[in-house]
Amino acid sequence: MQLPRVQRKIVPHEFVLEALSALDPVTPLMFGCTAVYVGEKNVLILRDGRARRKTTVSGLPLLGSGLTGWQILPMTAPDFEESALRACELILARDPRIGKVPKPRKSRARR
C-alpha cells in the first residue's frame, strides 16, 4: 500500500533560496514559517505575511526587549527584495553576524 504524498506548502520568497543555492540551504518548517539553514546555522526564517511595524529592519519583539540577533525585514518595505538579497550576499560571504547555531535540544528523558 502506498501512502499519499503530503504536499508541502510553497516556500515564500523563493528568490532568497535561489540566491543561496550555492550553499545548499535546508528548509524545514518551523512555527508556520520556513527556516533556512546553511550547515547547522539558522540564517533566515521566511514568512509570507504582512509585518505590523513600519521600519525596514527591526528587532524581534517576541523575544523580549533586550538585544537579540534576530531582525525583521517586512515584505511591505519598499526595498524588501534589495535588502533580502543584500542579506543573502552577507550569508554567502559567511558573515558571522548573520545566523545562529541553535542550542542542542534536551533529551526527552530530561524534560
Protein backbone atom coordinates (compact mmCIF):
# COMPACT_ATOMS: atom_id res chain seq x y z
CA MET A 1 0.00 0.00 0.00
CA GLN A 2 1.36 3.38 -0.97
CA LEU A 3 0.77 6.33 1.35
CA PRO A 4 -0.44 9.58 -0.17
CA ARG A 5 2.20 12.25 -0.61
CA VAL A 6 1.93 15.22 1.70
CA GLN A 7 2.00 18.42 -0.31
CA ARG A 8 4.46 20.87 1.16
CA LYS A 9 3.45 24.49 1.35
CA ILE A 10 5.13 26.72 -1.23
CA VAL A 11 8.21 28.42 0.20
CA PRO A 12 7.68 32.18 0.44
CA HIS A 13 10.21 34.49 -1.20
CA GLU A 14 11.80 31.71 -3.20
CA PHE A 15 14.22 34.18 -4.79
CA VAL A 16 16.10 34.08 -1.47
CA LEU A 17 16.68 30.34 -1.80
CA GLU A 18 17.80 30.80 -5.38
CA ALA A 19 20.34 33.39 -4.23
CA LEU A 20 21.65 30.97 -1.59
CA SER A 21 21.57 27.84 -3.78
CA ALA A 22 25.39 27.58 -3.90
CA LEU A 23 25.33 26.85 -0.14
CA ASP A 24 22.72 24.05 -0.45
CA PRO A 25 20.30 25.51 2.12
CA VAL A 26 17.94 23.21 4.01
CA THR A 27 14.39 24.48 4.62
CA PRO A 28 12.45 22.78 7.43
CA LEU A 29 9.09 24.14 8.51
CA MET A 30 9.27 25.98 11.83
CA PHE A 31 6.46 27.76 13.67
CA GLY A 32 4.40 28.08 10.49
CA CYS A 33 7.37 29.60 8.66
CA THR A 34 10.20 28.22 6.56
CA ALA A 35 13.55 28.15 8.33
CA VAL A 36 16.67 28.39 6.20
CA TYR A 37 19.73 26.54 7.43
CA VAL A 38 23.21 26.65 5.96
CA GLY A 39 25.04 23.79 7.61
CA GLU A 40 23.95 23.79 11.24
CA LYS A 41 23.35 27.57 11.30
CA ASN A 42 19.85 29.01 11.05
CA VAL A 43 20.41 32.04 8.82
CA LEU A 44 16.86 33.09 7.91
CA ILE A 45 13.21 32.40 8.55
CA LEU A 46 10.91 33.12 5.62
CA ARG A 47 7.30 34.03 6.16
CA ASP A 48 4.59 35.20 3.81
CA GLY A 49 2.78 37.83 5.80
CA ARG A 50 2.39 41.48 6.50
CA ALA A 51 4.50 42.96 9.29
CA ARG A 52 2.89 45.40 11.68
CA ARG A 53 5.99 47.54 12.04
CA LYS A 54 6.81 50.24 9.55
CA THR A 55 10.59 50.18 9.88
CA THR A 56 12.56 48.31 7.28
CA VAL A 57 14.74 46.33 9.70
CA SER A 58 13.90 45.97 13.37
CA GLY A 59 14.40 43.70 16.35
CA LEU A 60 12.04 40.85 17.05
CA PRO A 61 9.80 41.96 19.95
CA LEU A 62 8.62 38.39 20.58
CA LEU A 63 12.00 37.59 22.14
CA GLY A 64 11.86 40.41 24.71
CA SER A 65 13.14 43.94 24.88
CA GLY A 66 16.84 43.10 25.08
CA LEU A 67 19.22 42.86 22.18
CA THR A 68 18.73 39.72 20.09
CA GLY A 69 20.38 38.51 16.92
CA TRP A 70 17.03 38.30 15.15
CA GLN A 71 15.92 41.02 12.80
CA ILE A 72 12.68 41.51 10.87
CA LEU A 73 12.64 42.64 7.28
CA PRO A 74 8.96 43.31 6.45
CA MET A 75 7.87 42.31 2.98
CA THR A 76 5.99 45.62 2.82
CA ALA A 77 9.27 47.58 2.93
CA PRO A 78 9.86 49.41 -0.36
CA ASP A 79 13.36 47.92 -0.57
CA PHE A 80 12.40 44.41 0.60
CA GLU A 81 13.90 42.43 -2.28
CA GLU A 82 17.05 44.56 -2.40
CA SER A 83 17.56 44.20 1.37
CA ALA A 84 16.83 40.46 1.31
CA LEU A 85 19.37 39.95 -1.46
CA ARG A 86 21.91 42.02 0.49
CA ALA A 87 21.36 39.68 3.46
CA CYS A 88 21.96 36.76 1.07
CA GLU A 89 25.25 38.34 -0.02
CA LEU A 90 26.32 38.51 3.64
CA ILE A 91 25.33 34.87 4.15
CA LEU A 92 27.26 33.82 1.03
CA ALA A 93 30.29 35.71 2.38
CA ARG A 94 29.89 33.77 5.67
CA ASP A 95 29.44 36.99 7.64
CA PRO A 96 29.44 35.90 11.31
CA ARG A 97 26.74 38.47 12.17
CA ILE A 98 24.15 36.53 10.18
CA GLY A 99 22.60 33.40 11.64
CA LYS A 100 22.76 31.36 14.78
CA VAL A 101 23.55 27.77 15.64
CA PRO A 102 20.62 26.54 17.75
CA LYS A 103 21.34 25.14 21.19
CA PRO A 104 21.17 21.35 21.34
CA ARG A 105 17.76 20.03 22.31
CA LYS A 106 17.42 18.37 25.70
CA SER A 107 16.67 14.69 25.54
CA ARG A 108 13.07 13.69 26.21
CA ALA A 109 14.13 11.93 29.44
CA ARG A 110 15.42 15.23 30.87
CA ARG A 111 12.27 17.21 30.05
